[in-house]
Protein backbone atom coordinates (compact mmCIF):
# COMPACT_ATOMS: atom_id res chain seq x y z
CA MET A 1 76.49 -11.73 -185.63
CA ALA A 2 75.81 -14.53 -188.38
CA ARG A 3 72.93 -12.65 -189.87
CA LYS A 4 74.90 -9.28 -190.01
CA LEU A 5 77.86 -11.28 -191.89
CA THR A 6 75.20 -12.87 -194.21
CA LEU A 7 73.58 -9.50 -194.93
CA ALA A 8 77.03 -7.81 -195.62
CA GLY A 9 78.29 -10.45 -197.83
CA LEU A 10 75.15 -10.37 -199.94
CA ALA A 11 75.51 -6.58 -200.22
CA VAL A 12 79.06 -6.94 -201.54
CA LEU A 13 78.28 -9.82 -203.81
CA MET A 14 75.43 -7.46 -205.41
CA LEU A 15 77.66 -4.61 -205.68
CA GLY A 16 80.27 -6.71 -207.49
CA CYS A 17 77.62 -7.57 -209.99
CA GLY A 18 76.90 -3.92 -210.75
CA ALA A 19 73.48 -3.87 -208.72
CA GLU A 20 72.58 -0.85 -206.63
CA VAL A 21 71.46 -2.04 -203.24
CA ALA A 22 70.82 -0.14 -200.03
CA PRO A 23 73.11 -0.72 -197.05
CA PRO A 24 72.39 -3.67 -194.99
CA VAL A 25 70.24 -3.11 -191.82
CA VAL A 26 72.43 -3.70 -188.94
CA ALA A 27 70.45 -5.45 -186.00
CA GLN A 28 70.77 -3.60 -182.74
CA PRO A 29 72.36 -5.58 -179.86
CA ASP A 30 70.18 -7.48 -177.69
CA ALA A 31 70.47 -5.77 -174.26
CA GLY A 32 68.90 -8.75 -172.53
CA ASN A 33 65.66 -7.19 -172.00
CA ARG A 34 62.46 -9.35 -171.68
CA THR A 35 58.86 -8.69 -171.15
CA ILE A 36 57.55 -10.00 -168.02
CA TYR A 37 54.00 -8.74 -168.34
CA PHE A 38 51.87 -7.54 -171.43
CA ASP A 39 48.01 -7.19 -171.49
CA ALA A 40 46.32 -5.64 -174.73
CA PHE A 41 43.05 -5.83 -172.83
CA ASN A 42 41.20 -8.35 -174.87
CA ASN A 43 39.43 -9.12 -171.49
CA ILE A 44 39.75 -8.66 -167.74
CA LYS A 45 42.41 -11.12 -166.47
CA PRO A 46 41.92 -12.74 -163.05
CA GLU A 47 45.09 -11.20 -161.58
CA TRP A 48 43.76 -7.52 -161.92
CA GLN A 49 42.60 -6.05 -158.72
CA GLN A 50 41.04 -2.57 -158.30
CA VAL A 51 40.82 0.39 -155.88
CA GLY A 52 37.82 2.61 -156.70
CA GLY A 53 36.57 3.38 -160.17
CA ILE A 54 34.18 1.59 -162.71
CA TRP A 55 36.42 -0.52 -164.91
CA GLU A 56 35.74 -2.68 -167.85
CA VAL A 57 37.10 -3.95 -171.18
CA VAL A 58 35.61 -2.71 -174.54
CA ASP A 59 36.87 -3.40 -177.95
CA GLY A 60 40.60 -3.95 -176.72
CA TRP A 61 40.60 -0.96 -174.34
CA LEU A 62 40.56 -0.95 -170.53
CA ILE A 63 38.14 1.70 -169.48
CA GLN A 64 37.56 3.60 -166.39
CA ARG A 65 34.15 5.41 -166.54
CA THR A 66 34.09 7.41 -163.23
CA ASP A 67 34.73 11.28 -163.51
CA ASP A 68 33.57 12.13 -160.20
CA PRO A 69 35.88 14.83 -158.79
CA LYS A 70 35.66 13.48 -155.36
CA SER A 71 36.68 10.01 -156.25
CA LEU A 72 40.45 10.87 -156.72
CA ASN A 73 42.63 8.11 -157.49
CA ALA A 74 41.01 5.04 -159.20
CA ILE A 75 43.44 2.33 -159.72
CA LYS A 76 43.46 -0.84 -161.41
CA TYR A 77 46.63 -3.02 -160.63
CA VAL A 78 48.28 -6.41 -161.05
CA GLN A 79 48.38 -8.58 -158.11
CA SER A 80 51.34 -10.64 -159.34
CA PRO A 81 54.11 -10.37 -160.44
CA ARG A 82 55.57 -7.71 -158.21
CA ILE A 83 58.48 -5.69 -159.87
CA ALA A 84 61.34 -3.74 -158.53
CA ASP A 85 63.51 -2.68 -161.52
CA ALA A 86 61.70 -2.54 -164.62
CA THR A 87 60.39 -0.26 -167.42
CA LEU A 88 56.62 0.10 -167.64
CA GLU A 89 54.75 1.65 -170.72
CA ALA A 90 50.99 2.15 -171.56
CA ASP A 91 49.02 4.19 -173.86
CA VAL A 92 46.15 6.13 -172.49
CA ARG A 93 43.27 8.45 -173.84
CA VAL A 94 41.94 10.91 -171.23
CA LYS A 95 38.23 11.57 -171.56
CA PRO A 96 37.18 14.45 -169.60
CA PHE A 97 33.53 15.72 -169.46
CA ARG A 98 32.90 18.78 -171.48
CA PRO A 99 29.60 20.49 -171.65
CA GLN A 100 28.16 20.79 -175.02
CA GLN A 101 27.97 24.75 -174.22
CA TRP A 102 30.39 26.63 -172.02
CA THR A 103 29.41 29.23 -169.65
CA ASP A 104 30.97 31.88 -167.35
CA SER A 105 29.69 30.02 -164.30
CA PRO A 106 32.00 29.02 -161.46
CA GLU A 107 31.28 25.51 -162.23
CA ASP A 108 32.53 25.71 -165.76
CA GLN A 109 35.41 27.91 -164.68
CA GLU A 110 36.59 25.32 -162.32
CA LEU A 111 36.02 22.42 -164.89
CA ARG A 112 38.29 24.52 -167.43
CA ARG A 113 40.87 24.69 -164.87
CA ASN A 114 40.65 20.84 -164.04
CA ILE A 115 41.10 19.88 -167.76
CA ARG A 116 44.00 22.21 -168.19
CA TYR A 117 45.93 21.52 -165.05
CA ILE A 118 44.59 18.77 -162.70
CA ILE A 119 42.82 15.63 -164.06
CA GLY A 120 44.97 12.87 -165.68
CA ALA A 121 45.74 9.27 -166.03
CA GLY A 122 48.89 7.24 -165.76
CA ILE A 123 50.92 4.48 -164.20
CA VAL A 124 51.08 3.37 -160.69
CA PHE A 125 54.34 1.23 -159.56
CA ARG A 126 56.17 -0.36 -156.68
CA MET A 127 52.74 -0.46 -154.90
CA LYS A 128 52.79 -1.71 -151.37
CA ASP A 129 49.10 -1.09 -150.75
CA ALA A 130 46.43 1.38 -151.66
CA ASN A 131 48.14 4.00 -149.57
CA ASN A 132 51.89 3.58 -150.54
CA TYR A 133 53.02 3.72 -154.12
CA TYR A 134 54.66 5.68 -156.87
CA MET A 135 52.64 7.34 -159.62
CA PHE A 136 53.48 9.05 -162.92
CA ARG A 137 50.36 10.46 -164.83
CA LEU A 138 49.15 13.29 -167.01
CA ALA A 139 48.25 16.42 -164.79
CA GLY A 140 45.88 18.13 -167.11
CA GLU A 141 46.50 18.91 -170.93
CA GLU A 142 49.48 20.91 -170.10
CA GLY A 143 51.09 18.99 -167.35
CA ALA A 144 52.51 15.81 -165.70
CA VAL A 145 53.22 14.80 -162.21
CA LEU A 146 55.48 12.20 -160.66
CA GLY A 147 54.79 11.66 -156.91
CA LYS A 148 54.27 9.06 -154.26
CA MET A 149 51.44 8.13 -151.58
CA VAL A 150 52.83 7.60 -148.30
CA ASP A 151 50.57 6.25 -145.69
CA GLY A 152 47.76 7.97 -147.60
CA GLU A 153 49.37 11.29 -148.05
CA TRP A 154 50.26 12.51 -151.49
CA VAL A 155 53.98 13.84 -151.84
CA ASP A 156 54.95 15.63 -155.30
CA ILE A 157 58.42 14.73 -156.52
CA GLN A 158 58.24 16.69 -159.83
CA ASN A 159 55.21 18.38 -161.61
CA PRO A 160 56.52 19.76 -165.06
CA ARG A 161 54.59 21.48 -167.75
CA VAL A 162 54.45 19.42 -170.86
CA ARG A 163 53.63 22.39 -172.89
CA ASN A 164 57.32 23.26 -172.38
CA ILE A 165 58.29 19.63 -173.70
CA LEU A 166 55.98 18.30 -176.34
CA ARG A 167 54.73 19.78 -179.61
CA GLY A 168 51.54 21.64 -179.70
CA ASP A 169 49.81 19.11 -181.77
CA ARG A 170 50.69 16.65 -179.16
CA ILE A 171 48.84 18.45 -176.40
CA GLY A 172 45.11 18.01 -175.68
CA PHE A 173 42.71 15.33 -174.34
CA ARG A 174 41.28 14.24 -177.77
CA PRO A 175 40.09 10.91 -178.97
CA ASP A 176 42.90 11.20 -181.84
CA ASN A 177 45.69 11.89 -179.44
CA PRO A 178 46.64 8.87 -177.12
CA TYR A 179 49.56 9.69 -174.89
CA ARG A 180 52.25 6.88 -174.56
CA LEU A 181 53.58 7.02 -171.00
CA ARG A 182 56.65 5.14 -169.83
CA VAL A 183 58.45 4.80 -166.57
CA GLU A 184 61.99 3.51 -166.11
CA CYS A 185 62.62 2.52 -162.61
CA TYR A 186 66.04 1.09 -161.49
CA GLY A 187 67.21 1.32 -158.03
CA SER A 188 66.54 4.84 -156.59
CA SER A 189 66.59 6.21 -160.24
CA ILE A 190 63.04 7.00 -161.78
CA LYS A 191 62.70 8.28 -165.27
CA CYS A 192 59.50 9.26 -166.87
CA PHE A 193 58.59 9.79 -170.71
CA ILE A 194 55.55 11.07 -172.58
CA ASP A 195 55.63 10.17 -176.17
CA ASP A 196 59.54 9.19 -175.91
CA GLU A 197 60.08 12.74 -174.57
CA PRO A 198 61.56 12.82 -171.08
CA VAL A 199 59.62 14.86 -168.69
CA CYS A 200 60.76 13.70 -164.99
CA THR A 201 64.03 12.40 -163.62
CA ALA A 202 64.48 11.77 -160.10
CA ASN A 203 66.06 9.81 -157.27
CA ASP A 204 63.95 8.40 -154.72
CA GLY A 205 64.31 4.97 -152.88
CA GLN A 206 61.42 4.96 -150.40
CA PHE A 207 59.58 2.03 -152.30
CA ASP A 208 61.48 -0.87 -153.99
CA LEU A 209 59.41 -4.15 -154.74
CA GLY A 210 55.70 -3.77 -155.36
CA GLN A 211 52.59 -4.10 -157.45
CA PHE A 212 52.04 -2.15 -160.87
CA GLY A 213 49.03 -0.97 -162.69
CA LEU A 214 46.93 1.93 -164.14
CA VAL A 215 45.22 5.03 -162.65
CA THR A 216 42.79 7.96 -163.21
CA PHE A 217 42.37 11.22 -161.12
CA LYS A 218 39.05 12.68 -161.40
CA THR A 219 38.40 11.61 -165.04
CA SER A 220 37.36 8.86 -167.26
CA ALA A 221 40.19 7.35 -169.33
CA GLU A 222 40.97 4.57 -171.74
CA PHE A 223 44.12 2.34 -171.83
CA ASP A 224 45.19 0.58 -174.97
CA PHE A 225 47.76 -1.75 -173.14
CA ILE A 226 50.29 -2.09 -170.45
CA LYS A 227 53.83 -3.55 -170.91
CA VAL A 228 56.51 -4.36 -168.30
CA ILE A 229 60.23 -5.03 -169.43
CA LYS A 230 62.78 -6.19 -167.13
């Protein structure tokens, strides 16, 4: 409050002297949020564990290199702290395998379909173990999925098409097109965003307290950071 009064008083004083000044910037109220975990991936910290995949840190990116379609979910997660109610955010670039020259072969047709609708990367949260957790991830260049793994069985909660939500130039797995993913989970309310656009809203209270981390599905990907705010 003192800072706001000081800025306002300065503006009034300068206007009284005939000077033209821009309106003072009013600071937004502090909602009491605090960062409880942040990693910019300058190195792999000891609290990180993994389930599948080949993970390494290179030039400030956490990279998962495996793109074997049989490998399914490759997860890198933080063992502690565990979270219940929090907001999680991460930047990701999906790096699918693309042949130098496409053909009409069944293999290339399946690969096109996977890139468009299936493969992706994202965030796991409220993870009990490798068989029980929530996940929000990209699902191909045109989709996203919010779901949960329950005793090793996958359950879709929502599976929207992001082509109906994002601008056309913000769709496509390209090196110059990182996606910012955000999950807000408070109680049974789960809200998921891509580039600040809401894509999923659901109520599900199956899991509460658990671990969090990052995931890839049938593709390699690079993560720039992960942040958890409580």
